[in-house]
Amino acid sequence: MIASSIFLLFELISRTFLIKIYKKLPLDWNHQILCRFLFLFDEEKELRIHTFDFSRRREYYKKRKKKRKNENEKDKEKEKIKIKIKRKYSRFFVK
């Protein structure tokens, strides 16, 4: 009983340590080596939680950056249009 609880404690500590290392790896790291090592500590139902794909993550960040850039450009164009309208019709506004 005591031995099994000690083993479970060791397994929990080693799993959390490996996951912390895994999350700090650079994006271009070949993650499959570490994934296979993590499989030793995870049960089948928990595999999906800790083994995510870095390439998908990288694509997500690229798409998000592109989307933000497009939104910023649209906002700048809207501001330009507002300024043009104000200049064009400024004589009609009472100051």
N, C-alpha and C. Protein backbone atom coordinates (compact mmCIF):
# COMPACT_ATOMS: atom_id res chain seq x y z
N MET A 1 0.83 -1.20 0.00
CA MET A 1 0.00 0.00 0.00
C MET A 1 0.87 1.26 0.00
N ILE A 2 1.82 1.30 0.89
CA ILE A 2 2.72 2.46 0.96
C ILE A 2 3.57 2.55 -0.30
N ALA A 3 4.02 1.39 -0.78
CA ALA A 3 4.85 1.38 -1.98
C ALA A 3 4.06 1.88 -3.19
N SER A 4 2.81 1.48 -3.29
CA SER A 4 2.01 1.93 -4.44
C SER A 4 1.73 3.42 -4.36
N SER A 5 1.51 3.95 -3.16
CA SER A 5 1.27 5.39 -3.03
C SER A 5 2.53 6.19 -3.36
N ILE A 6 3.69 5.67 -2.96
CA ILE A 6 4.95 6.33 -3.29
C ILE A 6 5.18 6.31 -4.80
N PHE A 7 4.88 5.17 -5.43
CA PHE A 7 5.02 5.07 -6.88
C PHE A 7 4.10 6.05 -7.59
N LEU A 8 2.85 6.17 -7.14
CA LEU A 8 1.90 7.10 -7.76
C LEU A 8 2.37 8.54 -7.59
N LEU A 9 2.92 8.86 -6.43
CA LEU A 9 3.44 10.20 -6.19
C LEU A 9 4.61 10.50 -7.13
N PHE A 10 5.53 9.53 -7.26
CA PHE A 10 6.66 9.70 -8.18
C PHE A 10 6.18 9.88 -9.61
N GLU A 11 5.16 9.09 -10.01
CA GLU A 11 4.63 9.19 -11.37
C GLU A 11 4.01 10.56 -11.62
N LEU A 12 3.28 11.07 -10.65
CA LEU A 12 2.65 12.38 -10.78
C LEU A 12 3.69 13.49 -10.91
N ILE A 13 4.71 13.45 -10.08
CA ILE A 13 5.76 14.47 -10.12
C ILE A 13 6.51 14.42 -11.46
N SER A 14 6.87 13.23 -11.91
CA SER A 14 7.62 13.11 -13.16
C SER A 14 6.76 13.55 -14.34
N ARG A 15 5.47 13.24 -14.31
CA ARG A 15 4.58 13.65 -15.41
C ARG A 15 4.48 15.16 -15.49
N THR A 16 4.27 15.83 -14.37
CA THR A 16 4.14 17.30 -14.40
C THR A 16 5.45 17.94 -14.83
N PHE A 17 6.57 17.38 -14.39
CA PHE A 17 7.87 17.92 -14.79
C PHE A 17 8.07 17.81 -16.29
N LEU A 18 7.72 16.64 -16.86
CA LEU A 18 7.87 16.44 -18.30
C LEU A 18 6.96 17.36 -19.10
N ILE A 19 5.75 17.56 -18.60
CA ILE A 19 4.81 18.44 -19.31
C ILE A 19 5.33 19.88 -19.29
N LYS A 20 5.92 20.31 -18.19
CA LYS A 20 6.47 21.67 -18.13
C LYS A 20 7.61 21.83 -19.13
N ILE A 21 8.47 20.83 -19.23
CA ILE A 21 9.56 20.88 -20.20
C ILE A 21 8.99 20.91 -21.61
N TYR A 22 7.99 20.09 -21.85
CA TYR A 22 7.38 19.97 -23.18
C TYR A 22 6.78 21.29 -23.64
N LYS A 23 6.15 22.01 -22.73
CA LYS A 23 5.52 23.28 -23.10
C LYS A 23 6.54 24.38 -23.36
N LYS A 24 7.75 24.25 -22.82
CA LYS A 24 8.77 25.29 -23.01
C LYS A 24 9.65 25.05 -24.23
N LEU A 25 9.43 23.96 -24.93
CA LEU A 25 10.24 23.68 -26.11
C LEU A 25 9.94 24.68 -27.21
N PRO A 26 10.90 24.97 -28.07
CA PRO A 26 10.63 25.85 -29.22
C PRO A 26 9.63 25.21 -30.16
N LEU A 27 8.96 26.05 -30.96
CA LEU A 27 7.89 25.55 -31.82
C LEU A 27 8.38 24.59 -32.90
N ASP A 28 9.60 24.76 -33.37
CA ASP A 28 10.06 23.91 -34.45
C ASP A 28 10.68 22.60 -33.95
N TRP A 29 10.60 22.35 -32.66
CA TRP A 29 11.16 21.12 -32.09
C TRP A 29 10.38 19.91 -32.58
N ASN A 30 11.08 18.82 -32.83
CA ASN A 30 10.38 17.59 -33.19
C ASN A 30 9.77 17.00 -31.93
N HIS A 31 8.49 17.22 -31.75
CA HIS A 31 7.84 16.91 -30.48
C HIS A 31 7.51 15.43 -30.32
N GLN A 32 7.61 14.65 -31.36
CA GLN A 32 7.18 13.26 -31.26
C GLN A 32 8.05 12.44 -30.31
N ILE A 33 9.32 12.79 -30.21
CA ILE A 33 10.20 12.06 -29.30
C ILE A 33 9.70 12.21 -27.86
N LEU A 34 9.40 13.44 -27.51
CA LEU A 34 8.93 13.68 -26.16
C LEU A 34 7.52 13.14 -25.95
N CYS A 35 6.70 13.19 -26.99
CA CYS A 35 5.34 12.63 -26.89
C CYS A 35 5.42 11.15 -26.54
N ARG A 36 6.30 10.44 -27.21
CA ARG A 36 6.43 9.02 -26.94
C ARG A 36 6.89 8.78 -25.51
N PHE A 37 7.71 9.67 -25.00
CA PHE A 37 8.16 9.53 -23.62
C PHE A 37 7.02 9.82 -22.65
N LEU A 38 6.18 10.80 -23.00
CA LEU A 38 5.03 11.11 -22.16
C LEU A 38 4.02 9.97 -22.14
N PHE A 39 3.97 9.18 -23.22
CA PHE A 39 3.02 8.07 -23.27
C PHE A 39 3.29 7.08 -22.15
N LEU A 40 4.52 6.98 -21.71
CA LEU A 40 4.84 6.04 -20.64
C LEU A 40 4.12 6.40 -19.35
N PHE A 41 3.83 7.68 -19.16
CA PHE A 41 3.25 8.12 -17.90
C PHE A 41 1.75 8.36 -17.97
N ASP A 42 1.21 8.42 -19.16
CA ASP A 42 -0.21 8.75 -19.30
C ASP A 42 -1.05 7.51 -19.56
N GLU A 43 -2.28 7.59 -19.11
CA GLU A 43 -3.24 6.55 -19.45
C GLU A 43 -3.86 6.92 -20.79
N GLU A 44 -4.57 5.97 -21.39
CA GLU A 44 -5.11 6.20 -22.73
C GLU A 44 -6.04 7.40 -22.79
N LYS A 45 -6.88 7.59 -21.78
CA LYS A 45 -7.84 8.68 -21.83
C LYS A 45 -7.18 10.04 -21.66
N GLU A 46 -6.00 10.09 -21.03
CA GLU A 46 -5.31 11.35 -20.79
C GLU A 46 -4.34 11.71 -21.91
N LEU A 47 -4.13 10.82 -22.86
CA LEU A 47 -3.14 11.06 -23.92
C LEU A 47 -3.45 12.33 -24.70
N ARG A 48 -4.71 12.53 -25.01
CA ARG A 48 -5.09 13.65 -25.85
C ARG A 48 -4.85 14.99 -25.18
N ILE A 49 -4.87 15.02 -23.87
CA ILE A 49 -4.72 16.28 -23.14
C ILE A 49 -3.30 16.84 -23.28
N HIS A 50 -2.31 15.98 -23.11
CA HIS A 50 -0.93 16.46 -23.01
C HIS A 50 -0.16 16.43 -24.32
N THR A 51 -0.69 15.80 -25.35
CA THR A 51 0.06 15.68 -26.59
C THR A 51 -0.62 16.51 -27.68
N PHE A 52 -0.27 17.75 -27.76
CA PHE A 52 -0.81 18.59 -28.81
C PHE A 52 0.26 18.84 -29.86
N ASP A 53 -0.16 19.20 -31.02
CA ASP A 53 0.73 19.31 -32.17
C ASP A 53 1.24 20.74 -32.31
N PHE A 54 2.55 20.90 -32.30
CA PHE A 54 3.14 22.24 -32.39
C PHE A 54 2.89 22.88 -33.75
N SER A 55 2.82 22.05 -34.81
CA SER A 55 2.60 22.63 -36.13
C SER A 55 1.22 23.27 -36.21
N ARG A 56 0.22 22.65 -35.61
CA ARG A 56 -1.12 23.24 -35.58
C ARG A 56 -1.11 24.54 -34.78
N ARG A 57 -0.38 24.53 -33.69
CA ARG A 57 -0.28 25.72 -32.85
C ARG A 57 0.36 26.87 -33.63
N ARG A 58 1.42 26.56 -34.37
CA ARG A 58 2.11 27.57 -35.17
C ARG A 58 1.17 28.14 -36.23
N GLU A 59 0.42 27.26 -36.89
CA GLU A 59 -0.54 27.71 -37.91
C GLU A 59 -1.60 28.61 -37.29
N TYR A 60 -2.06 28.25 -36.11
CA TYR A 60 -3.07 29.06 -35.43
C TYR A 60 -2.55 30.46 -35.17
N TYR A 61 -1.31 30.56 -34.67
CA TYR A 61 -0.75 31.88 -34.38
C TYR A 61 -0.53 32.69 -35.65
N LYS A 62 -0.14 32.03 -36.74
CA LYS A 62 0.03 32.74 -38.01
C LYS A 62 -1.31 33.29 -38.49
N LYS A 63 -2.37 32.47 -38.40
CA LYS A 63 -3.69 32.92 -38.83
C LYS A 63 -4.18 34.07 -37.97
N ARG A 64 -3.93 33.96 -36.68
CA ARG A 64 -4.38 35.02 -35.76
C ARG A 64 -3.65 36.32 -36.05
N LYS A 65 -2.36 36.23 -36.31
CA LYS A 65 -1.58 37.43 -36.62
C LYS A 65 -2.07 38.07 -37.93
N LYS A 66 -2.33 37.22 -38.92
CA LYS A 66 -2.83 37.72 -40.20
C LYS A 66 -4.20 38.38 -40.04
N LYS A 67 -5.05 37.77 -39.24
CA LYS A 67 -6.39 38.32 -39.01
C LYS A 67 -6.30 39.68 -38.33
N ARG A 68 -5.44 39.79 -37.32
CA ARG A 68 -5.26 41.07 -36.63
C ARG A 68 -4.72 42.14 -37.57
N LYS A 69 -3.79 41.74 -38.42
CA LYS A 69 -3.22 42.69 -39.37
C LYS A 69 -4.31 43.20 -40.32
N ASN A 70 -5.15 42.30 -40.81
CA ASN A 70 -6.25 42.69 -41.70
C ASN A 70 -7.22 43.63 -40.99
N GLU A 71 -7.52 43.31 -39.73
CA GLU A 71 -8.43 44.17 -38.97
C GLU A 71 -7.83 45.57 -38.78
N ASN A 72 -6.54 45.62 -38.50
CA ASN A 72 -5.88 46.92 -38.32
C ASN A 72 -5.91 47.73 -39.62
N GLU A 73 -5.66 47.06 -40.73
CA GLU A 73 -5.71 47.75 -42.02
C GLU A 73 -7.11 48.28 -42.32
N LYS A 74 -8.12 47.49 -42.01
CA LYS A 74 -9.50 47.93 -42.22
C LYS A 74 -9.81 49.15 -41.35
N ASP A 75 -9.36 49.11 -40.10
CA ASP A 75 -9.59 50.24 -39.21
C ASP A 75 -8.89 51.50 -39.72
N LYS A 76 -7.68 51.36 -40.23
CA LYS A 76 -6.96 52.51 -40.78
C LYS A 76 -7.69 53.09 -41.99
N GLU A 77 -8.20 52.21 -42.85
CA GLU A 77 -8.94 52.68 -44.02
C GLU A 77 -10.21 53.40 -43.61
N LYS A 78 -10.90 52.89 -42.59
CA LYS A 78 -12.11 53.56 -42.10
C LYS A 78 -11.79 54.95 -41.57
N GLU A 79 -10.68 55.04 -40.85
CA GLU A 79 -10.26 56.35 -40.32
C GLU A 79 -9.94 57.32 -41.46
N LYS A 80 -9.27 56.82 -42.49
CA LYS A 80 -8.96 57.67 -43.65
C LYS A 80 -10.23 58.18 -44.31
N ILE A 81 -11.21 57.30 -44.44
CA ILE A 81 -12.48 57.70 -45.05
C ILE A 81 -13.18 58.75 -44.19
N LYS A 82 -13.17 58.58 -42.89
CA LYS A 82 -13.78 59.56 -41.99
C LYS A 82 -13.11 60.92 -42.12
N ILE A 83 -11.78 60.90 -42.20
CA ILE A 83 -11.04 62.16 -42.35
C ILE A 83 -11.39 62.84 -43.67
N LYS A 84 -11.47 62.05 -44.75
CA LYS A 84 -11.83 62.62 -46.06
C LYS A 84 -13.22 63.25 -46.01
N ILE A 85 -14.15 62.56 -45.38
CA ILE A 85 -15.52 63.09 -45.28
C ILE A 85 -15.54 64.37 -44.46
N LYS A 86 -14.80 64.39 -43.38
CA LYS A 86 -14.75 65.60 -42.55
C LYS A 86 -14.15 66.77 -43.32
N ARG A 87 -13.11 66.51 -44.08
CA ARG A 87 -12.49 67.58 -44.88
C ARG A 87 -13.44 68.08 -45.96
N LYS A 88 -14.12 67.13 -46.59
CA LYS A 88 -15.00 67.49 -47.70
C LYS A 88 -16.20 68.32 -47.22
N TYR A 89 -16.75 67.94 -46.09
CA TYR A 89 -17.97 68.59 -45.62
C TYR A 89 -17.75 69.49 -44.41
N SER A 90 -16.52 69.86 -44.16
CA SER A 90 -16.23 70.68 -42.98
C SER A 90 -16.90 72.06 -43.05
N ARG A 91 -17.10 72.58 -44.24
CA ARG A 91 -17.72 73.91 -44.37
C ARG A 91 -19.18 73.91 -43.93
N PHE A 92 -19.81 72.71 -43.93
CA PHE A 92 -21.22 72.64 -43.53
C PHE A 92 -21.40 72.51 -42.02
N PHE A 93 -20.31 72.12 -41.34
CA PHE A 93 -20.40 71.96 -39.89
C PHE A 93 -20.22 73.30 -39.20
N VAL A 94 -21.05 73.55 -38.24
CA VAL A 94 -20.91 74.78 -37.45
C VAL A 94 -19.92 74.51 -36.34
N LYS A 95 -18.95 75.40 -36.20
CA LYS A 95 -17.94 75.20 -35.17
C LYS A 95 -18.16 76.12 -34.01
